[in-house]
């Protein structure tokens, strides 16, 4: 079940001291459109890390392509949006082991030909030299392959959709609009939100709450839309929770609210559409 706030929390002193803690600078999409894939893998890594790396579901996997030290390479994808079996067997295994048999020469052209024509055992592979297309592909569930010394990024389509039926919540019946509701798995819910808000500014700040249960909790917001002091205050209140276990979202409400008898500041939603709408409102989280 997703939670969001519908009231600006008043605690100015602690908020103002933490305004810069969460990296609230929004991604400049226009600047991203003007950025090309770099020949230097580290530059590409740093850019993607700064753009998407704050999210716990974004995976940046470094490895070497070819024999000996090989060519440094990087795989980037969003967890729960790709087919892990295909990723391991058809992409990572050929790139890390079978590429050792290839005669990789120290030229970008030969590396490109080996990767595109021999190393990837998947049918849908395209390439781009634009960083905005790279980010868009990641947010859409694609896998990105970057190789040091190569100004091309490989976009590999092995998108995976949840096998569990995402059905309409029984307590939120709609005549119009999407009928998809959240499930019990946090990563599936994150993937559901990502499929409908494909923005690099959509952030999932993960944390664990509960000394024994270590329950996974994610604070969801859009950089440049959500108020930084509000996001900081939400995270601070969650981090202060000291309890053995969190078994459902009602536990969090009791710890987050200002006072047991104060007006209700928290709402609940089973439908992803409601959460997406509130993420787009200035003071919501």
C-alpha atoms as a PDB file:
ATOM      1  CA  UNK A   1       0.000   0.000   0.000  1.00  0.00           C
ATOM      2  CA  UNK A   2       1.383   3.369  -0.958  1.00  0.00           C
ATOM      3  CA  UNK A   3       1.471   6.393   1.319  1.00  0.00           C
ATOM      4  CA  UNK A   4       1.690  10.048   0.565  1.00  0.00           C
ATOM      5  CA  UNK A   5       1.365  13.258   2.502  1.00  0.00           C
ATOM      6  CA  UNK A   6      -1.325  15.825   1.753  1.00  0.00           C
ATOM      7  CA  UNK A   7      -0.230  18.571   4.095  1.00  0.00           C
ATOM      8  CA  UNK A   8       2.986  20.594   4.280  1.00  0.00           C
ATOM      9  CA  UNK A   9       4.651  19.595   7.544  1.00  0.00           C
ATOM     10  CA  UNK A  10       5.663  22.570   9.663  1.00  0.00           C
ATOM     11  CA  UNK A  11       9.078  22.202  11.213  1.00  0.00           C
ATOM     12  CA  UNK A  12      11.140  24.951   9.596  1.00  0.00           C
ATOM     13  CA  UNK A  13      14.249  24.820  11.755  1.00  0.00           C
ATOM     14  CA  UNK A  14      15.069  21.175  11.119  1.00  0.00           C
ATOM     15  CA  UNK A  15      13.938  21.414   7.491  1.00  0.00           C
ATOM     16  CA  UNK A  16      16.147  24.338   6.520  1.00  0.00           C
ATOM     17  CA  UNK A  17      19.242  22.621   7.896  1.00  0.00           C
ATOM     18  CA  UNK A  18      18.644  19.612   5.655  1.00  0.00           C
ATOM     19  CA  UNK A  19      17.605  21.204   2.375  1.00  0.00           C
ATOM     20  CA  UNK A  20      20.694  20.025   0.538  1.00  0.00           C
ATOM     21  CA  UNK A  21      20.876  16.495   1.969  1.00  0.00           C
ATOM     22  CA  UNK A  22      18.784  14.724  -0.658  1.00  0.00           C
ATOM     23  CA  UNK A  23      20.288  16.004  -3.894  1.00  0.00           C
ATOM     24  CA  UNK A  24      17.138  17.776  -5.015  1.00  0.00           C
ATOM     25  CA  UNK A  25      18.582  19.335  -8.157  1.00  0.00           C
ATOM     26  CA  UNK A  26      16.374  18.165 -10.994  1.00  0.00           C
ATOM     27  CA  UNK A  27      17.801  16.600 -14.125  1.00  0.00           C
ATOM     28  CA  UNK A  28      18.056  19.144 -16.952  1.00  0.00           C
ATOM     29  CA  UNK A  29      16.394  17.306 -19.845  1.00  0.00           C
ATOM     30  CA  UNK A  30      17.480  19.914 -22.377  1.00  0.00           C
ATOM     31  CA  UNK A  31      21.097  19.584 -21.299  1.00  0.00           C
ATOM     32  CA  UNK A  32      20.753  15.810 -21.430  1.00  0.00           C
ATOM     33  CA  UNK A  33      19.561  16.048 -25.043  1.00  0.00           C
ATOM     34  CA  UNK A  34      22.745  17.897 -25.941  1.00  0.00           C
ATOM     35  CA  UNK A  35      24.998  15.317 -24.253  1.00  0.00           C
ATOM     36  CA  UNK A  36      26.579  12.573 -26.328  1.00  0.00           C
ATOM     37  CA  UNK A  37      27.831   9.205 -25.149  1.00  0.00           C
ATOM     38  CA  UNK A  38      31.469   9.662 -24.176  1.00  0.00           C
ATOM     39  CA  UNK A  39      34.405   7.552 -25.327  1.00  0.00           C
ATOM     40  CA  UNK A  40      35.447   7.433 -21.662  1.00  0.00           C
ATOM     41  CA  UNK A  41      33.438   4.873 -19.715  1.00  0.00           C
ATOM     42  CA  UNK A  42      34.040   6.692 -16.422  1.00  0.00           C
ATOM     43  CA  UNK A  43      32.372   9.836 -17.768  1.00  0.00           C
ATOM     44  CA  UNK A  44      29.319   7.819 -18.809  1.00  0.00           C
ATOM     45  CA  UNK A  45      29.260   6.042 -15.455  1.00  0.00           C
ATOM     46  CA  UNK A  46      29.432   9.310 -13.504  1.00  0.00           C
ATOM     47  CA  UNK A  47      26.671  10.896 -15.579  1.00  0.00           C
ATOM     48  CA  UNK A  48      24.308   7.938 -15.160  1.00  0.00           C
ATOM     49  CA  UNK A  49      25.178   7.635 -11.483  1.00  0.00           C
ATOM     50  CA  UNK A  50      24.352  11.289 -10.898  1.00  0.00           C
ATOM     51  CA  UNK A  51      21.188  11.069 -12.999  1.00  0.00           C
ATOM     52  CA  UNK A  52      19.706   7.777 -11.781  1.00  0.00           C
ATOM     53  CA  UNK A  53      22.054   6.319  -9.192  1.00  0.00           C
ATOM     54  CA  UNK A  54      20.177   7.690  -6.195  1.00  0.00           C
ATOM     55  CA  UNK A  55      17.467   5.107  -6.850  1.00  0.00           C
ATOM     56  CA  UNK A  56      17.886   1.774  -5.143  1.00  0.00           C
ATOM     57  CA  UNK A  57      16.369  -0.137  -8.069  1.00  0.00           C
ATOM     58  CA  UNK A  58      18.881   1.143 -10.640  1.00  0.00           C
ATOM     59  CA  UNK A  59      21.752  -1.308 -11.153  1.00  0.00           C
ATOM     60  CA  UNK A  60      25.132  -0.233 -12.565  1.00  0.00           C
ATOM     61  CA  UNK A  61      27.269  -3.358 -13.092  1.00  0.00           C
ATOM     62  CA  UNK A  62      30.902  -2.940 -14.144  1.00  0.00           C
ATOM     63  CA  UNK A  63      32.874  -5.804 -15.705  1.00  0.00           C
ATOM     64  CA  UNK A  64      35.559  -6.521 -18.329  1.00  0.00           C
ATOM     65  CA  UNK A  65      34.998  -7.602 -21.902  1.00  0.00           C
ATOM     66  CA  UNK A  66      37.538  -9.963 -23.498  1.00  0.00           C
ATOM     67  CA  UNK A  67      40.730 -11.675 -22.332  1.00  0.00           C
ATOM     68  CA  UNK A  68      43.225 -10.575 -19.685  1.00  0.00           C
ATOM     69  CA  UNK A  69      42.184  -7.225 -18.266  1.00  0.00           C
ATOM     70  CA  UNK A  70      39.963  -6.766 -21.308  1.00  0.00           C
ATOM     71  CA  UNK A  71      37.914  -3.713 -22.084  1.00  0.00           C
ATOM     72  CA  UNK A  72      36.061  -2.086 -19.175  1.00  0.00           C
ATOM     73  CA  UNK A  73      32.318  -2.242 -19.750  1.00  0.00           C
ATOM     74  CA  UNK A  74      29.140  -1.256 -17.929  1.00  0.00           C
ATOM     75  CA  UNK A  75      25.619  -2.696 -17.823  1.00  0.00           C
ATOM     76  CA  UNK A  76      22.801  -0.449 -16.561  1.00  0.00           C
ATOM     77  CA  UNK A  77      19.209  -1.506 -15.941  1.00  0.00           C
ATOM     78  CA  UNK A  78      16.297  -1.181 -13.541  1.00  0.00           C
ATOM     79  CA  UNK A  79      15.638  -4.134 -11.305  1.00  0.00           C
ATOM     80  CA  UNK A  80      12.323  -5.955 -11.817  1.00  0.00           C
ATOM     81  CA  UNK A  81      11.889  -4.428 -15.273  1.00  0.00           C
ATOM     82  CA  UNK A  82      14.202  -6.858 -17.085  1.00  0.00           C
ATOM     83  CA  UNK A  83      14.267 -10.619 -17.536  1.00  0.00           C
ATOM     84  CA  UNK A  84      17.052 -11.694 -15.149  1.00  0.00           C
ATOM     85  CA  UNK A  85      17.447 -15.121 -16.772  1.00  0.00           C
ATOM     86  CA  UNK A  86      18.035 -13.596 -20.204  1.00  0.00           C
ATOM     87  CA  UNK A  87      20.303 -10.948 -18.690  1.00  0.00           C
ATOM     88  CA  UNK A  88      22.554 -13.543 -17.071  1.00  0.00           C
ATOM     89  CA  UNK A  89      22.542 -16.206 -19.801  1.00  0.00           C
ATOM     90  CA  UNK A  90      22.220 -14.193 -23.002  1.00  0.00           C
ATOM     91  CA  UNK A  91      24.092 -11.002 -22.118  1.00  0.00           C
ATOM     92  CA  UNK A  92      26.427 -11.221 -19.124  1.00  0.00           C
ATOM     93  CA  UNK A  93      27.709 -14.746 -19.773  1.00  0.00           C
ATOM     94  CA  UNK A  94      28.577 -14.181 -23.469  1.00  0.00           C
ATOM     95  CA  UNK A  95      30.145 -10.800 -22.735  1.00  0.00           C
ATOM     96  CA  UNK A  96      32.254 -11.949 -19.787  1.00  0.00           C
ATOM     97  CA  UNK A  97      33.296 -15.447 -20.909  1.00  0.00           C
ATOM     98  CA  UNK A  98      32.542 -16.209 -24.548  1.00  0.00           C
ATOM     99  CA  UNK A  99      34.039 -12.889 -25.669  1.00  0.00           C
ATOM    100  CA  UNK A 100      37.418 -14.232 -24.523  1.00  0.00           C
ATOM    101  CA  UNK A 101      37.536 -16.355 -27.672  1.00  0.00           C
ATOM    102  CA  UNK A 102      36.965 -13.354 -29.911  1.00  0.00           C
ATOM    103  CA  UNK A 103      39.940 -11.632 -31.486  1.00  0.00           C
ATOM    104  CA  UNK A 104      39.344  -8.202 -29.977  1.00  0.00           C
ATOM    105  CA  UNK A 105      41.654  -5.650 -31.503  1.00  0.00           C
ATOM    106  CA  UNK A 106      42.309  -2.277 -29.854  1.00  0.00           C
ATOM    107  CA  UNK A 107      39.958  -0.439 -32.190  1.00  0.00           C
ATOM    108  CA  UNK A 108      36.448   0.748 -31.484  1.00  0.00           C
ATOM    109  CA  UNK A 109      35.152  -0.696 -34.748  1.00  0.00           C
ATOM    110  CA  UNK A 110      36.192  -4.275 -33.954  1.00  0.00           C
ATOM    111  CA  UNK A 111      34.703  -4.077 -30.457  1.00  0.00           C
ATOM    112  CA  UNK A 112      31.457  -2.758 -31.895  1.00  0.00           C
ATOM    113  CA  UNK A 113      31.285  -5.576 -34.456  1.00  0.00           C
ATOM    114  CA  UNK A 114      31.976  -8.294 -31.878  1.00  0.00           C
ATOM    115  CA  UNK A 115      29.364  -6.979 -29.465  1.00  0.00           C
ATOM    116  CA  UNK A 116      26.684  -6.329 -32.072  1.00  0.00           C
ATOM    117  CA  UNK A 117      27.235  -9.401 -34.245  1.00  0.00           C
ATOM    118  CA  UNK A 118      28.654 -12.086 -31.947  1.00  0.00           C
ATOM    119  CA  UNK A 119      28.499 -11.450 -28.211  1.00  0.00           C
ATOM    120  CA  UNK A 120      24.825 -10.699 -27.570  1.00  0.00           C
ATOM    121  CA  UNK A 121      22.450 -13.648 -27.849  1.00  0.00           C
ATOM    122  CA  UNK A 122      19.287 -11.526 -28.034  1.00  0.00           C
ATOM    123  CA  UNK A 123      17.245 -10.473 -31.039  1.00  0.00           C
ATOM    124  CA  UNK A 124      16.389  -6.854 -30.249  1.00  0.00           C
ATOM    125  CA  UNK A 125      19.580  -4.756 -30.027  1.00  0.00           C
ATOM    126  CA  UNK A 126      19.932  -1.167 -31.205  1.00  0.00           C
ATOM    127  CA  UNK A 127      22.535   1.523 -30.632  1.00  0.00           C
ATOM    128  CA  UNK A 128      22.554   5.233 -29.919  1.00  0.00           C
ATOM    129  CA  UNK A 129      25.054   8.022 -29.309  1.00  0.00           C
ATOM    130  CA  UNK A 130      22.623  10.296 -27.454  1.00  0.00           C
ATOM    131  CA  UNK A 131      22.602  10.236 -23.681  1.00  0.00           C
ATOM    132  CA  UNK A 132      18.948  11.293 -23.406  1.00  0.00           C
ATOM    133  CA  UNK A 133      17.989   8.195 -25.417  1.00  0.00           C
ATOM    134  CA  UNK A 134      20.127   6.095 -23.087  1.00  0.00           C
ATOM    135  CA  UNK A 135      18.311   7.412 -20.007  1.00  0.00           C
ATOM    136  CA  UNK A 136      14.911   7.038 -21.694  1.00  0.00           C
ATOM    137  CA  UNK A 137      15.699   3.428 -22.600  1.00  0.00           C
ATOM    138  CA  UNK A 138      16.708   2.614 -19.014  1.00  0.00           C
ATOM    139  CA  UNK A 139      13.522   4.156 -17.643  1.00  0.00           C
ATOM    140  CA  UNK A 140      11.482   2.164 -20.164  1.00  0.00           C
ATOM    141  CA  UNK A 141      12.936  -1.138 -18.945  1.00  0.00           C
ATOM    142  CA  UNK A 142      15.810  -1.568 -21.394  1.00  0.00           C
ATOM    143  CA  UNK A 143      19.339  -2.756 -20.629  1.00  0.00           C
ATOM    144  CA  UNK A 144      22.205  -0.435 -21.605  1.00  0.00           C
ATOM    145  CA  UNK A 145      25.679  -1.698 -22.473  1.00  0.00           C
ATOM    146  CA  UNK A 146      28.574   0.788 -22.559  1.00  0.00           C
ATOM    147  CA  UNK A 147      32.174  -0.111 -23.459  1.00  0.00           C
ATOM    148  CA  UNK A 148      35.261   1.984 -22.785  1.00  0.00           C
ATOM    149  CA  UNK A 149      36.581   3.535 -26.009  1.00  0.00           C
ATOM    150  CA  UNK A 150      33.244   3.175 -27.787  1.00  0.00           C
ATOM    151  CA  UNK A 151      30.982   6.174 -28.404  1.00  0.00           C
ATOM    152  CA  UNK A 152      27.973   3.911 -28.974  1.00  0.00           C
ATOM    153  CA  UNK A 153      25.577   2.696 -26.315  1.00  0.00           C
ATOM    154  CA  UNK A 154      23.836  -0.622 -26.958  1.00  0.00           C
ATOM    155  CA  UNK A 155      20.131  -0.724 -26.060  1.00  0.00           C
ATOM    156  CA  UNK A 156      19.035  -4.312 -25.357  1.00  0.00           C
ATOM    157  CA  UNK A 157      15.330  -5.070 -25.056  1.00  0.00           C
ATOM    158  CA  UNK A 158      14.685  -7.883 -22.585  1.00  0.00           C
ATOM    159  CA  UNK A 159      11.879  -6.186 -20.709  1.00  0.00           C
ATOM    160  CA  UNK A 160      10.045  -8.255 -18.142  1.00  0.00           C
ATOM    161  CA  UNK A 161       6.509  -7.689 -16.911  1.00  0.00           C
ATOM    162  CA  UNK A 162       5.158  -9.101 -13.691  1.00  0.00           C
ATOM    163  CA  UNK A 163       3.720 -12.590 -14.032  1.00  0.00           C
ATOM    164  CA  UNK A 164       1.368 -12.004 -11.145  1.00  0.00           C
ATOM    165  CA  UNK A 165      -1.937 -10.506 -12.162  1.00  0.00           C
ATOM    166  CA  UNK A 166      -2.080  -6.806 -11.313  1.00  0.00           C
ATOM    167  CA  UNK A 167      -5.812  -6.440 -10.831  1.00  0.00           C
ATOM    168  CA  UNK A 168      -8.203  -3.660  -9.944  1.00  0.00           C
ATOM    169  CA  UNK A 169      -8.405  -2.929  -6.171  1.00  0.00           C
ATOM    170  CA  UNK A 170     -11.801  -4.005  -4.874  1.00  0.00           C
ATOM    171  CA  UNK A 171     -12.191  -0.916  -2.680  1.00  0.00           C
ATOM    172  CA  UNK A 172     -11.354   1.569  -5.484  1.00  0.00           C
ATOM    173  CA  UNK A 173     -13.625   0.719  -8.398  1.00  0.00           C
ATOM    174  CA  UNK A 174     -13.342   2.959 -11.462  1.00  0.00           C
ATOM    175  CA  UNK A 175     -15.393   3.137 -14.652  1.00  0.00           C
ATOM    176  CA  UNK A 176     -12.676   4.957 -16.603  1.00  0.00           C
ATOM    177  CA  UNK A 177      -8.911   4.877 -16.466  1.00  0.00           C
ATOM    178  CA  UNK A 178      -6.351   2.140 -15.682  1.00  0.00           C
ATOM    179  CA  UNK A 179      -7.505  -0.654 -13.393  1.00  0.00           C
ATOM    180  CA  UNK A 180      -4.082  -1.693 -12.130  1.00  0.00           C
ATOM    181  CA  UNK A 181      -3.482  -1.838  -8.394  1.00  0.00           C
ATOM    182  CA  UNK A 182      -0.461  -2.356  -6.181  1.00  0.00           C
ATOM    183  CA  UNK A 183       0.661  -5.789  -5.028  1.00  0.00           C
ATOM    184  CA  UNK A 184       2.539  -6.871  -1.893  1.00  0.00           C
ATOM    185  CA  UNK A 185       6.020  -6.818  -3.459  1.00  0.00           C
ATOM    186  CA  UNK A 186       7.771  -3.457  -3.190  1.00  0.00           C
ATOM    187  CA  UNK A 187       9.927  -3.939  -6.313  1.00  0.00           C
ATOM    188  CA  UNK A 188       6.899  -4.852  -8.414  1.00  0.00           C
ATOM    189  CA  UNK A 189       5.159  -1.673  -7.245  1.00  0.00           C
ATOM    190  CA  UNK A 190       8.227   0.433  -8.030  1.00  0.00           C
ATOM    191  CA  UNK A 191       8.382  -1.082 -11.503  1.00  0.00           C
ATOM    192  CA  UNK A 192       4.679  -0.298 -11.993  1.00  0.00           C
ATOM    193  CA  UNK A 193       5.263   3.367 -11.152  1.00  0.00           C
ATOM    194  CA  UNK A 194       8.317   3.540 -13.405  1.00  0.00           C
ATOM    195  CA  UNK A 195       6.356   2.228 -16.377  1.00  0.00           C
ATOM    196  CA  UNK A 196       3.978   5.171 -16.076  1.00  0.00           C
ATOM    197  CA  UNK A 197       6.363   7.962 -15.004  1.00  0.00           C
ATOM    198  CA  UNK A 198       9.425   7.649 -17.247  1.00  0.00           C
ATOM    199  CA  UNK A 199      11.289  10.604 -15.825  1.00  0.00           C
ATOM    200  CA  UNK A 200      14.904  10.669 -14.600  1.00  0.00           C
ATOM    201  CA  UNK A 201      13.669  12.951 -11.827  1.00  0.00           C
ATOM    202  CA  UNK A 202      11.490  10.204 -10.321  1.00  0.00           C
ATOM    203  CA  UNK A 203      13.376   9.079  -7.214  1.00  0.00           C
ATOM    204  CA  UNK A 204      12.952   6.067  -4.933  1.00  0.00           C
ATOM    205  CA  UNK A 205      14.864   6.497  -1.665  1.00  0.00           C
ATOM    206  CA  UNK A 206      15.053   3.059  -0.056  1.00  0.00           C
ATOM    207  CA  UNK A 207      15.486   2.311   3.626  1.00  0.00           C
ATOM    208  CA  UNK A 208      14.877  -0.543   6.074  1.00  0.00           C
ATOM    209  CA  UNK A 209      12.731  -0.083   9.168  1.00  0.00           C
ATOM    210  CA  UNK A 210      12.409  -2.525  12.042  1.00  0.00           C
ATOM    211  CA  UNK A 211      15.146  -4.018  14.204  1.00  0.00           C
ATOM    212  CA  UNK A 212      13.960  -7.579  13.526  1.00  0.00           C
ATOM    213  CA  UNK A 213      11.844  -7.470  10.360  1.00  0.00           C
ATOM    214  CA  UNK A 214      14.045  -4.932   8.494  1.00  0.00           C
ATOM    215  CA  UNK A 215      11.049  -4.066   6.315  1.00  0.00           C
ATOM    216  CA  UNK A 216      11.863  -2.364   3.017  1.00  0.00           C
ATOM    217  CA  UNK A 217      10.337   1.105   2.682  1.00  0.00           C
ATOM    218  CA  UNK A 218      10.695   3.527  -0.222  1.00  0.00           C
ATOM    219  CA  UNK A 219      10.091   7.271  -0.230  1.00  0.00           C
ATOM    220  CA  UNK A 220       8.893   8.239  -3.710  1.00  0.00           C
ATOM    221  CA  UNK A 221       9.042  11.763  -5.119  1.00  0.00           C
ATOM    222  CA  UNK A 222       9.889  13.761  -8.235  1.00  0.00           C
ATOM    223  CA  UNK A 223      12.899  16.064  -8.025  1.00  0.00           C
ATOM    224  CA  UNK A 224      11.962  19.579  -9.015  1.00  0.00           C
ATOM    225  CA  UNK A 225       8.316  18.975  -8.048  1.00  0.00           C
ATOM    226  CA  UNK A 226       8.341  17.771  -4.446  1.00  0.00           C
ATOM    227  CA  UNK A 227       9.338  20.302  -1.823  1.00  0.00           C
ATOM    228  CA  UNK A 228      12.888  19.510  -0.574  1.00  0.00           C
ATOM    229  CA  UNK A 229      12.098  20.442   3.058  1.00  0.00           C
ATOM    230  CA  UNK A 230       9.058  18.163   2.988  1.00  0.00           C
ATOM    231  CA  UNK A 231      11.034  15.227   1.588  1.00  0.00           C
ATOM    232  CA  UNK A 232      13.749  15.743   4.201  1.00  0.00           C
ATOM    233  CA  UNK A 233      11.188  15.876   6.988  1.00  0.00           C
ATOM    234  CA  UNK A 234       9.508  12.664   5.816  1.00  0.00           C
ATOM    235  CA  UNK A 235      12.840  10.825   5.646  1.00  0.00           C
ATOM    236  CA  UNK A 236      13.894  12.167   9.047  1.00  0.00           C
ATOM    237  CA  UNK A 237      10.695  10.963  10.687  1.00  0.00           C
ATOM    238  CA  UNK A 238      11.016   7.538   9.101  1.00  0.00           C
ATOM    239  CA  UNK A 239      14.656   7.211  10.173  1.00  0.00           C
ATOM    240  CA  UNK A 240      13.681   8.021  13.776  1.00  0.00           C
ATOM    241  CA  UNK A 241      11.369   5.006  13.982  1.00  0.00           C
ATOM    242  CA  UNK A 242      12.774   2.456  16.447  1.00  0.00           C
ATOM    243  CA  UNK A 243      10.600  -0.648  16.618  1.00  0.00           C
ATOM    244  CA  UNK A 244      11.050  -4.413  16.339  1.00  0.00           C
ATOM    245  CA  UNK A 245       8.977  -4.755  13.189  1.00  0.00           C
ATOM    246  CA  UNK A 246       6.800  -3.093  10.547  1.00  0.00           C
ATOM    247  CA  UNK A 247       4.185  -5.546   9.268  1.00  0.00           C
ATOM    248  CA  UNK A 248       1.905  -3.130   7.403  1.00  0.00           C
ATOM    249  CA  UNK A 249       1.664   0.549   6.546  1.00  0.00           C
ATOM    250  CA  UNK A 250      -0.522   1.430   9.517  1.00  0.00           C
ATOM    251  CA  UNK A 251       2.507   1.116  11.784  1.00  0.00           C
ATOM    252  CA  UNK A 252       4.227   3.948   9.917  1.00  0.00           C
ATOM    253  CA  UNK A 253       1.250   6.267  10.199  1.00  0.00           C
ATOM    254  CA  UNK A 254       1.330   6.139  13.998  1.00  0.00           C
ATOM    255  CA  UNK A 255       4.993   7.151  14.080  1.00  0.00           C
ATOM    256  CA  UNK A 256       4.871   9.800  11.354  1.00  0.00           C
ATOM    257  CA  UNK A 257       1.819  11.817  12.410  1.00  0.00           C
ATOM    258  CA  UNK A 258       2.415  14.986  14.429  1.00  0.00           C
ATOM    259  CA  UNK A 259       0.088  14.059  17.297  1.00  0.00           C
ATOM    260  CA  UNK A 260      -2.406  11.231  17.901  1.00  0.00           C
ATOM    261  CA  UNK A 261      -5.260  13.764  17.981  1.00  0.00           C
ATOM    262  CA  UNK A 262      -4.033  16.067  15.219  1.00  0.00           C
ATOM    263  CA  UNK A 263      -5.911  16.317  11.899  1.00  0.00           C
ATOM    264  CA  UNK A 264      -5.157  13.462   9.536  1.00  0.00           C
ATOM    265  CA  UNK A 265      -2.145  14.278   7.300  1.00  0.00           C
ATOM    266  CA  UNK A 266      -1.711  10.892   5.644  1.00  0.00           C
ATOM    267  CA  UNK A 267      -3.816   9.275   2.943  1.00  0.00           C
ATOM    268  CA  UNK A 268      -3.744   5.784   1.475  1.00  0.00           C
ATOM    269  CA  UNK A 269      -4.043   4.460  -2.065  1.00  0.00           C
ATOM    270  CA  UNK A 270      -4.149   0.997  -3.610  1.00  0.00           C
ATOM    271  CA  UNK A 271      -4.180   2.306  -7.162  1.00  0.00           C
ATOM    272  CA  UNK A 272      -0.947   3.438  -8.821  1.00  0.00           C
ATOM    273  CA  UNK A 273      -2.775   6.218 -10.716  1.00  0.00           C
ATOM    274  CA  UNK A 274      -3.538   8.028  -7.462  1.00  0.00           C
ATOM    275  CA  UNK A 275       0.101   7.923  -6.393  1.00  0.00           C
ATOM    276  CA  UNK A 276       1.272   9.159  -9.802  1.00  0.00           C
ATOM    277  CA  UNK A 277      -1.158  12.078  -9.599  1.00  0.00           C
ATOM    278  CA  UNK A 278       0.030  13.076  -6.146  1.00  0.00           C
ATOM    279  CA  UNK A 279       3.698  12.799  -7.134  1.00  0.00           C
ATOM    280  CA  UNK A 280       2.964  15.516  -9.700  1.00  0.00           C
ATOM    281  CA  UNK A 281       1.614  17.935  -7.074  1.00  0.00           C
ATOM    282  CA  UNK A 282       4.126  20.379  -5.614  1.00  0.00           C
ATOM    283  CA  UNK A 283       3.809  19.522  -1.891  1.00  0.00           C
ATOM    284  CA  UNK A 284       3.200  15.806  -2.199  1.00  0.00           C
ATOM    285  CA  UNK A 285       5.524  12.869  -1.593  1.00  0.00           C
END
